[in-house]
Amino acid sequence: MSEEVTPPTESNPPTDSSAAPSFEPAGEPLIPVDESIAVSDTPTVEPVEVSKSSKFKNPYIWGLGRRKRAVARVRIKPGDGKFLINKRKVDEFFGVDIHRQQVHKPLIATESLKSYDVLVNVCGGGITGQAGAVSLGLARALAKADPSFEPKLREQDLMTRDARKVERKKYGQRGARRRFQFSKR
């Protein structure tokens, strides 16, 4: 009942027209090789030197700070102590004195209150989260500007990100931890 199938050979060509012909390697390569080109003739790429006094050099030192949902991008450069947050003075942006103190804390810790101009873009979150984000971003930028500032900033816990966030509401509850009122009777 079963037919024996014999593989095609040179003496026994395949009878089926759909069978693919076998390709055997010929004596010459498929791609012609030019023997006149040697490996040593390939061109080498020499590095280009970039001048240190480029006109595109950025004078700012960047620091990124996050707290809760707030993100602050802080730029500092040597200057006379100008401090702008979202193109407004720091006293106009933060109305509460506690937030202003928190924002100035890295500058006070490093004793560089009048040494740097600070420009901040902050978005997201509330006013407390934004103050914490600006403080962390400023501390990171100061540590980048002068590595000797880092121990002073770490000592006052200004280089550590506060990872606390709002806990999410769970289903079947009124809030993150709050349950619906339970009645026995």
N, C-alpha and C. Protein backbone atom coordinates (compact mmCIF):
# COMPACT_ATOMS: atom_id res chain seq x y z
N MET A 1 0.80 -1.18 0.00
CA MET A 1 0.00 0.00 0.00
C MET A 1 0.86 1.26 0.00
N SER A 2 1.98 1.23 0.65
CA SER A 2 2.82 2.42 0.65
C SER A 2 3.82 2.34 -0.48
N GLU A 3 4.02 3.48 -1.15
CA GLU A 3 4.97 3.55 -2.25
C GLU A 3 6.33 3.92 -1.71
N GLU A 4 7.31 3.34 -2.25
CA GLU A 4 8.66 3.71 -1.87
C GLU A 4 9.12 4.87 -2.73
N VAL A 5 9.61 5.90 -2.10
CA VAL A 5 10.06 7.08 -2.82
C VAL A 5 11.57 7.04 -2.85
N THR A 6 12.14 7.13 -4.06
CA THR A 6 13.59 7.15 -4.19
C THR A 6 14.03 8.56 -4.49
N PRO A 7 15.08 9.02 -3.84
CA PRO A 7 15.55 10.38 -4.11
C PRO A 7 16.11 10.48 -5.53
N PRO A 8 15.95 11.64 -6.18
CA PRO A 8 16.44 11.78 -7.54
C PRO A 8 17.96 11.81 -7.56
N THR A 9 18.53 11.19 -8.52
CA THR A 9 19.98 11.21 -8.74
C THR A 9 20.21 11.56 -10.19
N GLU A 10 21.51 11.55 -10.62
CA GLU A 10 21.82 11.88 -12.01
C GLU A 10 21.23 10.84 -12.96
N SER A 11 21.26 9.57 -12.56
CA SER A 11 20.71 8.53 -13.43
C SER A 11 19.20 8.46 -13.35
N ASN A 12 18.64 8.95 -12.22
CA ASN A 12 17.20 8.91 -12.00
C ASN A 12 16.69 10.35 -11.81
N PRO A 13 16.40 11.11 -12.89
CA PRO A 13 15.97 12.51 -12.74
C PRO A 13 14.57 12.57 -12.13
N PRO A 14 14.24 13.71 -11.49
CA PRO A 14 12.92 13.81 -10.88
C PRO A 14 11.85 13.88 -11.95
N THR A 15 10.74 13.17 -11.70
CA THR A 15 9.65 13.14 -12.68
C THR A 15 8.65 14.24 -12.42
N ASP A 16 8.61 14.75 -11.19
CA ASP A 16 7.65 15.80 -10.85
C ASP A 16 8.19 17.14 -11.36
N SER A 17 7.38 17.91 -12.04
CA SER A 17 7.82 19.20 -12.59
C SER A 17 7.91 20.28 -11.52
N SER A 18 7.25 20.08 -10.35
CA SER A 18 7.28 21.09 -9.29
C SER A 18 8.51 20.97 -8.41
N ALA A 19 9.28 19.91 -8.55
CA ALA A 19 10.47 19.73 -7.72
C ALA A 19 11.52 20.74 -8.14
N ALA A 20 12.17 21.34 -7.16
CA ALA A 20 13.16 22.36 -7.43
C ALA A 20 14.46 21.72 -7.87
N PRO A 21 15.13 22.30 -8.86
CA PRO A 21 16.41 21.73 -9.27
C PRO A 21 17.47 21.98 -8.20
N SER A 22 18.41 21.10 -8.09
CA SER A 22 19.47 21.27 -7.09
C SER A 22 20.58 22.10 -7.70
N PHE A 23 21.09 23.04 -6.91
CA PHE A 23 22.18 23.89 -7.37
C PHE A 23 23.46 23.36 -6.77
N GLU A 24 24.36 23.02 -7.60
CA GLU A 24 25.65 22.54 -7.15
C GLU A 24 26.66 23.65 -7.40
N PRO A 25 27.61 23.85 -6.49
CA PRO A 25 28.59 24.92 -6.68
C PRO A 25 29.44 24.66 -7.91
N ALA A 26 29.59 25.68 -8.70
CA ALA A 26 30.40 25.59 -9.91
C ALA A 26 31.84 25.90 -9.57
N GLY A 27 32.69 25.84 -10.53
CA GLY A 27 34.11 26.07 -10.30
C GLY A 27 34.44 27.54 -10.07
N GLU A 28 33.64 28.48 -10.56
CA GLU A 28 33.95 29.90 -10.40
C GLU A 28 32.98 30.54 -9.39
N PRO A 29 33.42 31.56 -8.65
CA PRO A 29 32.53 32.20 -7.66
C PRO A 29 31.45 33.02 -8.35
N LEU A 30 30.35 33.24 -7.62
CA LEU A 30 29.24 34.01 -8.17
C LEU A 30 29.61 35.48 -8.33
N ILE A 31 30.37 36.04 -7.37
CA ILE A 31 30.80 37.44 -7.44
C ILE A 31 32.27 37.46 -7.85
N PRO A 32 32.60 38.18 -8.93
CA PRO A 32 34.00 38.21 -9.35
C PRO A 32 34.85 38.95 -8.33
N VAL A 33 36.00 38.42 -8.03
CA VAL A 33 36.92 39.00 -7.06
C VAL A 33 38.06 39.64 -7.82
N ASP A 34 38.32 40.92 -7.49
CA ASP A 34 39.42 41.64 -8.12
C ASP A 34 40.65 41.44 -7.27
N GLU A 35 41.63 40.74 -7.78
CA GLU A 35 42.83 40.42 -7.04
C GLU A 35 43.76 41.62 -6.89
N SER A 36 43.54 42.69 -7.68
CA SER A 36 44.46 43.82 -7.63
C SER A 36 44.24 44.69 -6.39
N ILE A 37 43.06 44.57 -5.75
CA ILE A 37 42.79 45.38 -4.56
C ILE A 37 43.25 44.59 -3.34
N ALA A 38 44.17 45.18 -2.61
CA ALA A 38 44.68 44.53 -1.40
C ALA A 38 43.98 45.12 -0.18
N VAL A 39 44.06 44.44 0.91
CA VAL A 39 43.41 44.90 2.14
C VAL A 39 44.06 46.18 2.63
N SER A 40 45.35 46.34 2.41
CA SER A 40 46.06 47.52 2.89
C SER A 40 45.71 48.77 2.09
N ASP A 41 45.06 48.62 0.92
CA ASP A 41 44.71 49.76 0.10
C ASP A 41 43.43 50.46 0.55
N THR A 42 42.73 49.91 1.56
CA THR A 42 41.49 50.54 2.01
C THR A 42 41.80 51.85 2.72
N PRO A 43 40.97 52.87 2.51
CA PRO A 43 41.25 54.16 3.13
C PRO A 43 41.01 54.10 4.64
N THR A 44 41.81 54.85 5.37
CA THR A 44 41.65 54.94 6.82
C THR A 44 41.02 56.27 7.17
N VAL A 45 40.22 56.27 8.22
CA VAL A 45 39.56 57.49 8.67
C VAL A 45 40.36 58.06 9.83
N GLU A 46 40.76 59.31 9.68
CA GLU A 46 41.53 59.96 10.74
C GLU A 46 40.59 60.80 11.59
N PRO A 47 40.78 60.81 12.92
CA PRO A 47 39.89 61.59 13.78
C PRO A 47 40.06 63.09 13.56
N VAL A 48 38.96 63.81 13.65
CA VAL A 48 38.97 65.25 13.48
C VAL A 48 39.00 65.89 14.87
N GLU A 49 39.89 66.83 15.07
CA GLU A 49 39.98 67.48 16.36
C GLU A 49 38.96 68.60 16.45
N VAL A 50 38.25 68.66 17.57
CA VAL A 50 37.26 69.70 17.81
C VAL A 50 37.89 70.74 18.72
N SER A 51 37.76 71.98 18.34
CA SER A 51 38.37 73.04 19.14
C SER A 51 37.60 73.22 20.44
N LYS A 52 38.33 73.48 21.51
CA LYS A 52 37.72 73.65 22.83
C LYS A 52 36.95 74.96 22.93
N SER A 53 37.36 75.97 22.18
CA SER A 53 36.71 77.27 22.25
C SER A 53 35.67 77.38 21.14
N SER A 54 34.74 76.47 21.14
CA SER A 54 33.70 76.47 20.13
C SER A 54 32.65 77.52 20.48
N LYS A 55 32.05 78.13 19.47
CA LYS A 55 31.04 79.16 19.73
C LYS A 55 29.73 78.54 20.20
N PHE A 56 29.61 77.20 20.08
CA PHE A 56 28.39 76.52 20.49
C PHE A 56 28.47 75.98 21.92
N LYS A 57 29.52 76.27 22.64
CA LYS A 57 29.67 75.76 24.00
C LYS A 57 28.59 76.37 24.89
N ASN A 58 27.89 75.51 25.63
CA ASN A 58 26.79 75.93 26.47
C ASN A 58 27.33 76.39 27.82
N PRO A 59 27.04 77.61 28.25
CA PRO A 59 27.57 78.09 29.54
C PRO A 59 26.80 77.52 30.73
N TYR A 60 25.66 76.88 30.51
CA TYR A 60 24.82 76.41 31.60
C TYR A 60 25.20 75.01 32.06
N ILE A 61 24.95 74.76 33.33
CA ILE A 61 25.08 73.43 33.91
C ILE A 61 23.68 73.01 34.30
N TRP A 62 23.27 71.81 33.87
CA TRP A 62 21.89 71.35 34.03
C TRP A 62 21.75 70.41 35.21
N GLY A 63 20.57 70.45 35.82
CA GLY A 63 20.20 69.51 36.87
C GLY A 63 18.72 69.22 36.76
N LEU A 64 18.34 67.97 36.94
CA LEU A 64 16.93 67.58 36.84
C LEU A 64 16.47 67.12 38.21
N GLY A 65 15.32 67.64 38.64
CA GLY A 65 14.76 67.26 39.93
C GLY A 65 13.32 66.82 39.77
N ARG A 66 12.94 65.79 40.53
CA ARG A 66 11.56 65.31 40.51
C ARG A 66 11.08 65.13 41.93
N ARG A 67 9.78 65.38 42.13
CA ARG A 67 9.15 65.16 43.43
C ARG A 67 7.67 64.98 43.17
N LYS A 68 7.10 63.89 43.64
CA LYS A 68 5.70 63.53 43.38
C LYS A 68 5.47 63.56 41.87
N ARG A 69 4.62 64.44 41.38
CA ARG A 69 4.37 64.54 39.93
C ARG A 69 5.09 65.73 39.30
N ALA A 70 5.86 66.46 40.04
CA ALA A 70 6.53 67.67 39.54
C ALA A 70 7.89 67.33 38.96
N VAL A 71 8.25 68.03 37.88
CA VAL A 71 9.55 67.87 37.23
C VAL A 71 10.14 69.27 37.05
N ALA A 72 11.38 69.44 37.53
CA ALA A 72 12.05 70.74 37.42
C ALA A 72 13.35 70.57 36.64
N ARG A 73 13.51 71.36 35.58
CA ARG A 73 14.74 71.40 34.82
C ARG A 73 15.48 72.69 35.22
N VAL A 74 16.61 72.53 35.87
CA VAL A 74 17.34 73.65 36.47
C VAL A 74 18.62 73.89 35.67
N ARG A 75 18.86 75.18 35.34
CA ARG A 75 20.10 75.59 34.68
C ARG A 75 20.79 76.60 35.57
N ILE A 76 22.08 76.42 35.78
CA ILE A 76 22.84 77.41 36.54
C ILE A 76 24.05 77.83 35.73
N LYS A 77 24.48 79.07 35.95
CA LYS A 77 25.73 79.56 35.37
C LYS A 77 26.30 80.58 36.34
N PRO A 78 27.61 80.78 36.32
CA PRO A 78 28.19 81.79 37.21
C PRO A 78 27.57 83.15 36.95
N GLY A 79 27.20 83.82 38.02
CA GLY A 79 26.53 85.11 37.89
C GLY A 79 26.45 85.83 39.22
N ASP A 80 25.41 86.67 39.35
CA ASP A 80 25.28 87.51 40.54
C ASP A 80 24.10 87.13 41.43
N GLY A 81 23.50 85.96 41.24
CA GLY A 81 22.46 85.50 42.14
C GLY A 81 21.04 85.67 41.63
N LYS A 82 20.85 85.87 40.34
CA LYS A 82 19.50 85.99 39.79
C LYS A 82 18.82 84.62 39.85
N PHE A 83 17.56 84.57 40.30
CA PHE A 83 16.83 83.30 40.47
C PHE A 83 15.45 83.45 39.85
N LEU A 84 15.23 82.77 38.71
CA LEU A 84 13.95 82.83 38.01
C LEU A 84 13.35 81.43 37.90
N ILE A 85 12.05 81.34 38.19
CA ILE A 85 11.31 80.09 38.02
C ILE A 85 10.18 80.37 37.05
N ASN A 86 10.16 79.68 35.93
CA ASN A 86 9.18 79.90 34.86
C ASN A 86 9.08 81.38 34.49
N LYS A 87 10.24 82.02 34.35
CA LYS A 87 10.38 83.43 33.95
C LYS A 87 9.78 84.39 34.97
N ARG A 88 9.63 83.95 36.21
CA ARG A 88 9.15 84.82 37.30
C ARG A 88 10.14 84.73 38.44
N LYS A 89 10.23 85.80 39.23
CA LYS A 89 11.12 85.78 40.38
C LYS A 89 10.63 84.74 41.38
N VAL A 90 11.56 84.21 42.14
CA VAL A 90 11.24 83.12 43.05
C VAL A 90 10.22 83.56 44.11
N ASP A 91 10.26 84.83 44.54
CA ASP A 91 9.31 85.31 45.55
C ASP A 91 7.90 85.44 44.98
N GLU A 92 7.79 85.69 43.68
CA GLU A 92 6.47 85.75 43.05
C GLU A 92 5.91 84.35 42.81
N PHE A 93 6.80 83.41 42.45
CA PHE A 93 6.33 82.06 42.12
C PHE A 93 5.91 81.30 43.37
N PHE A 94 6.74 81.31 44.41
CA PHE A 94 6.41 80.63 45.66
C PHE A 94 5.96 81.68 46.67
N GLY A 95 4.67 81.68 46.96
CA GLY A 95 4.12 82.66 47.90
C GLY A 95 4.35 82.29 49.35
N VAL A 96 4.52 81.00 49.64
CA VAL A 96 4.70 80.54 51.01
C VAL A 96 6.19 80.55 51.35
N ASP A 97 6.51 81.04 52.55
CA ASP A 97 7.90 81.20 52.96
C ASP A 97 8.63 79.86 53.08
N ILE A 98 7.93 78.80 53.48
CA ILE A 98 8.56 77.48 53.63
C ILE A 98 9.09 76.99 52.29
N HIS A 99 8.32 77.21 51.24
CA HIS A 99 8.76 76.76 49.90
C HIS A 99 9.95 77.56 49.42
N ARG A 100 9.95 78.86 49.69
CA ARG A 100 11.11 79.69 49.30
C ARG A 100 12.37 79.24 50.03
N GLN A 101 12.24 78.90 51.32
CA GLN A 101 13.39 78.42 52.09
C GLN A 101 13.90 77.09 51.53
N GLN A 102 12.96 76.22 51.17
CA GLN A 102 13.35 74.91 50.64
C GLN A 102 14.11 75.06 49.32
N VAL A 103 13.68 75.99 48.48
CA VAL A 103 14.32 76.20 47.18
C VAL A 103 15.73 76.79 47.35
N HIS A 104 15.91 77.68 48.32
CA HIS A 104 17.21 78.32 48.54
C HIS A 104 18.16 77.46 49.37
N LYS A 105 17.69 76.36 49.95
CA LYS A 105 18.50 75.55 50.85
C LYS A 105 19.80 75.04 50.22
N PRO A 106 19.81 74.54 48.96
CA PRO A 106 21.10 74.10 48.38
C PRO A 106 22.10 75.24 48.21
N LEU A 107 21.63 76.42 47.87
CA LEU A 107 22.53 77.57 47.72
C LEU A 107 23.09 78.01 49.08
N ILE A 108 22.27 77.95 50.11
CA ILE A 108 22.73 78.33 51.45
C ILE A 108 23.71 77.30 51.98
N ALA A 109 23.44 76.01 51.74
CA ALA A 109 24.33 74.94 52.22
C ALA A 109 25.71 75.03 51.60
N THR A 110 25.79 75.45 50.35
CA THR A 110 27.09 75.56 49.66
C THR A 110 27.68 76.96 49.74
N GLU A 111 26.98 77.88 50.42
CA GLU A 111 27.42 79.27 50.58
C GLU A 111 27.68 79.93 49.23
N SER A 112 26.79 79.69 48.29
CA SER A 112 26.94 80.26 46.94
C SER A 112 25.65 80.97 46.52
N LEU A 113 25.06 81.71 47.45
CA LEU A 113 23.78 82.37 47.20
C LEU A 113 23.90 83.44 46.12
N LYS A 114 25.01 84.16 46.08
CA LYS A 114 25.21 85.22 45.09
C LYS A 114 26.25 84.84 44.03
N SER A 115 26.53 83.55 43.89
CA SER A 115 27.57 83.12 42.94
C SER A 115 27.02 82.62 41.62
N TYR A 116 25.75 82.19 41.61
CA TYR A 116 25.19 81.58 40.41
C TYR A 116 23.86 82.22 40.04
N ASP A 117 23.63 82.32 38.73
CA ASP A 117 22.31 82.66 38.21
C ASP A 117 21.55 81.35 38.00
N VAL A 118 20.32 81.30 38.47
CA VAL A 118 19.53 80.07 38.41
C VAL A 118 18.30 80.32 37.56
N LEU A 119 18.11 79.49 36.54
CA LEU A 119 16.92 79.53 35.69
C LEU A 119 16.24 78.17 35.76
N VAL A 120 14.95 78.16 36.09
CA VAL A 120 14.23 76.90 36.32
C VAL A 120 12.98 76.87 35.46
N ASN A 121 12.72 75.71 34.85
CA ASN A 121 11.43 75.41 34.23
C ASN A 121 10.84 74.27 35.03
N VAL A 122 9.69 74.50 35.63
CA VAL A 122 9.05 73.48 36.45
C VAL A 122 7.62 73.29 35.99
N CYS A 123 7.17 72.03 35.96
CA CYS A 123 5.80 71.75 35.55
C CYS A 123 5.31 70.52 36.31
N GLY A 124 3.99 70.38 36.36
CA GLY A 124 3.38 69.23 36.98
C GLY A 124 3.29 69.34 38.48
N GLY A 125 2.39 68.56 39.06
CA GLY A 125 2.29 68.50 40.50
C GLY A 125 1.73 69.76 41.12
N GLY A 126 1.88 69.85 42.41
CA GLY A 126 1.43 71.01 43.16
C GLY A 126 2.60 71.85 43.60
N ILE A 127 2.32 72.84 44.43
CA ILE A 127 3.36 73.80 44.81
C ILE A 127 4.43 73.15 45.69
N THR A 128 4.03 72.23 46.58
CA THR A 128 5.01 71.55 47.45
C THR A 128 5.90 70.62 46.64
N GLY A 129 5.31 69.87 45.73
CA GLY A 129 6.11 68.99 44.87
C GLY A 129 7.06 69.78 43.99
N GLN A 130 6.61 70.93 43.49
CA GLN A 130 7.47 71.75 42.65
C GLN A 130 8.64 72.32 43.45
N ALA A 131 8.40 72.70 44.69
CA ALA A 131 9.49 73.22 45.52
C ALA A 131 10.52 72.13 45.78
N GLY A 132 10.07 70.91 46.06
CA GLY A 132 11.00 69.81 46.26
C GLY A 132 11.78 69.46 45.00
N ALA A 133 11.11 69.52 43.85
CA ALA A 133 11.77 69.22 42.58
C ALA A 133 12.83 70.26 42.25
N VAL A 134 12.53 71.53 42.48
CA VAL A 134 13.50 72.60 42.22
C VAL A 134 14.71 72.45 43.14
N SER A 135 14.46 72.11 44.40
CA SER A 135 15.55 71.94 45.36
C SER A 135 16.49 70.81 44.94
N LEU A 136 15.93 69.68 44.53
CA LEU A 136 16.76 68.55 44.10
C LEU A 136 17.51 68.87 42.81
N GLY A 137 16.84 69.50 41.85
CA GLY A 137 17.50 69.86 40.59
C GLY A 137 18.63 70.85 40.80
N LEU A 138 18.41 71.80 41.68
CA LEU A 138 19.45 72.80 41.98
C LEU A 138 20.64 72.14 42.69
N ALA A 139 20.37 71.23 43.61
CA ALA A 139 21.46 70.53 44.30
C ALA A 139 22.28 69.69 43.32
N ARG A 140 21.61 69.02 42.39
CA ARG A 140 22.33 68.22 41.39
C ARG A 140 23.17 69.09 40.47
N ALA A 141 22.64 70.23 40.07
CA ALA A 141 23.39 71.14 39.21
C ALA A 141 24.61 71.71 39.94
N LEU A 142 24.45 72.06 41.21
CA LEU A 142 25.57 72.59 41.99
C LEU A 142 26.66 71.53 42.18
N ALA A 143 26.25 70.29 42.40
CA ALA A 143 27.23 69.21 42.55
C ALA A 143 27.98 68.96 41.26
N LYS A 144 27.31 69.17 40.11
CA LYS A 144 27.97 69.03 38.83
C LYS A 144 28.93 70.19 38.58
N ALA A 145 28.52 71.39 39.02
CA ALA A 145 29.35 72.57 38.81
C ALA A 145 30.64 72.51 39.62
N ASP A 146 30.54 72.06 40.86
CA ASP A 146 31.70 71.98 41.74
C ASP A 146 31.59 70.71 42.56
N PRO A 147 32.37 69.67 42.26
CA PRO A 147 32.25 68.40 42.98
C PRO A 147 32.53 68.51 44.48
N SER A 148 33.19 69.58 44.93
CA SER A 148 33.44 69.73 46.37
C SER A 148 32.16 70.09 47.13
N PHE A 149 31.10 70.50 46.42
CA PHE A 149 29.82 70.80 47.07
C PHE A 149 29.05 69.55 47.48
N GLU A 150 29.33 68.43 46.82
CA GLU A 150 28.50 67.25 47.02
C GLU A 150 28.46 66.75 48.46
N PRO A 151 29.59 66.67 49.20
CA PRO A 151 29.48 66.22 50.60
C PRO A 151 28.61 67.14 51.46
N LYS A 152 28.69 68.45 51.22
CA LYS A 152 27.86 69.39 51.98
C LYS A 152 26.37 69.18 51.67
N LEU A 153 26.07 68.94 50.40
CA LEU A 153 24.68 68.73 50.00
C LEU A 153 24.15 67.40 50.51
N ARG A 154 24.98 66.37 50.50
CA ARG A 154 24.56 65.06 51.01
C ARG A 154 24.36 65.10 52.51
N GLU A 155 25.18 65.87 53.18
CA GLU A 155 25.08 65.99 54.64
C GLU A 155 23.71 66.54 55.05
N GLN A 156 23.17 67.45 54.26
CA GLN A 156 21.86 68.04 54.55
C GLN A 156 20.73 67.30 53.83
N ASP A 157 21.05 66.15 53.22
CA ASP A 157 20.07 65.28 52.56
C ASP A 157 19.37 65.98 51.39
N LEU A 158 20.14 66.75 50.62
CA LEU A 158 19.58 67.47 49.48
C LEU A 158 19.81 66.76 48.15
N MET A 159 20.63 65.71 48.15
CA MET A 159 20.92 64.98 46.91
C MET A 159 20.07 63.72 46.77
N THR A 160 19.21 63.45 47.75
CA THR A 160 18.39 62.25 47.73
C THR A 160 17.00 62.58 47.23
N ARG A 161 16.51 61.80 46.27
CA ARG A 161 15.16 62.03 45.75
C ARG A 161 14.15 61.48 46.74
N ASP A 162 13.12 62.25 47.00
CA ASP A 162 12.03 61.81 47.87
C ASP A 162 11.07 60.98 47.02
N ALA A 163 11.05 59.67 47.23
CA ALA A 163 10.32 58.76 46.36
C ALA A 163 8.85 58.61 46.74
N ARG A 164 8.42 59.29 47.79
CA ARG A 164 7.02 59.13 48.22
C ARG A 164 6.07 59.73 47.21
N LYS A 165 5.04 58.98 46.87
CA LYS A 165 4.02 59.45 45.95
C LYS A 165 2.66 59.13 46.52
N VAL A 166 1.62 59.65 45.90
CA VAL A 166 0.26 59.39 46.36
C VAL A 166 -0.07 57.94 46.06
N GLU A 167 -0.59 57.24 47.07
CA GLU A 167 -0.98 55.85 46.87
C GLU A 167 -2.27 55.80 46.08
N ARG A 168 -2.37 54.86 45.17
CA ARG A 168 -3.54 54.79 44.30
C ARG A 168 -4.76 54.28 45.04
N LYS A 169 -5.92 54.70 44.54
CA LYS A 169 -7.19 54.23 45.07
C LYS A 169 -7.40 52.79 44.61
N LYS A 170 -7.89 51.94 45.51
CA LYS A 170 -8.17 50.55 45.16
C LYS A 170 -9.65 50.36 44.87
N TYR A 171 -9.95 49.41 44.02
CA TYR A 171 -11.35 49.15 43.68
C TYR A 171 -12.04 48.53 44.90
N GLY A 172 -13.34 48.81 45.02
CA GLY A 172 -14.11 48.29 46.15
C GLY A 172 -13.86 49.05 47.44
N GLN A 173 -13.14 50.18 47.35
CA GLN A 173 -12.86 51.01 48.52
C GLN A 173 -13.16 52.46 48.17
N ARG A 174 -13.22 53.29 49.21
CA ARG A 174 -13.47 54.70 48.96
C ARG A 174 -12.21 55.46 48.60
N GLY A 175 -11.09 54.94 49.00
CA GLY A 175 -9.81 55.62 48.71
C GLY A 175 -8.69 54.61 48.70
N ALA A 176 -7.46 55.08 48.96
CA ALA A 176 -6.32 54.18 48.96
C ALA A 176 -6.40 53.19 50.11
N ARG A 177 -6.76 53.66 51.30
CA ARG A 177 -6.89 52.80 52.46
C ARG A 177 -8.30 52.81 53.05
N ARG A 178 -9.05 53.86 52.78
CA ARG A 178 -10.37 54.05 53.37
C ARG A 178 -11.35 53.06 52.78
N ARG A 179 -12.10 52.40 53.67
CA ARG A 179 -13.12 51.46 53.24
C ARG A 179 -14.49 52.13 53.28
N PHE A 180 -15.46 51.51 52.57
CA PHE A 180 -16.82 51.99 52.72
C PHE A 180 -17.32 51.64 54.11
N GLN A 181 -18.28 52.40 54.60
CA GLN A 181 -18.78 52.18 55.96
C GLN A 181 -19.41 50.80 56.04
N PHE A 182 -19.09 50.10 57.12
CA PHE A 182 -19.61 48.75 57.32
C PHE A 182 -20.69 48.77 58.40
N SER A 183 -21.79 48.13 58.11
CA SER A 183 -22.89 48.06 59.08
C SER A 183 -23.16 46.61 59.41
N LYS A 184 -23.17 46.30 60.71
CA LYS A 184 -23.46 44.92 61.12
C LYS A 184 -24.93 44.60 60.93
N ARG A 185 -25.80 45.56 61.22
CA ARG A 185 -27.24 45.31 61.14
C ARG A 185 -27.89 46.27 60.17
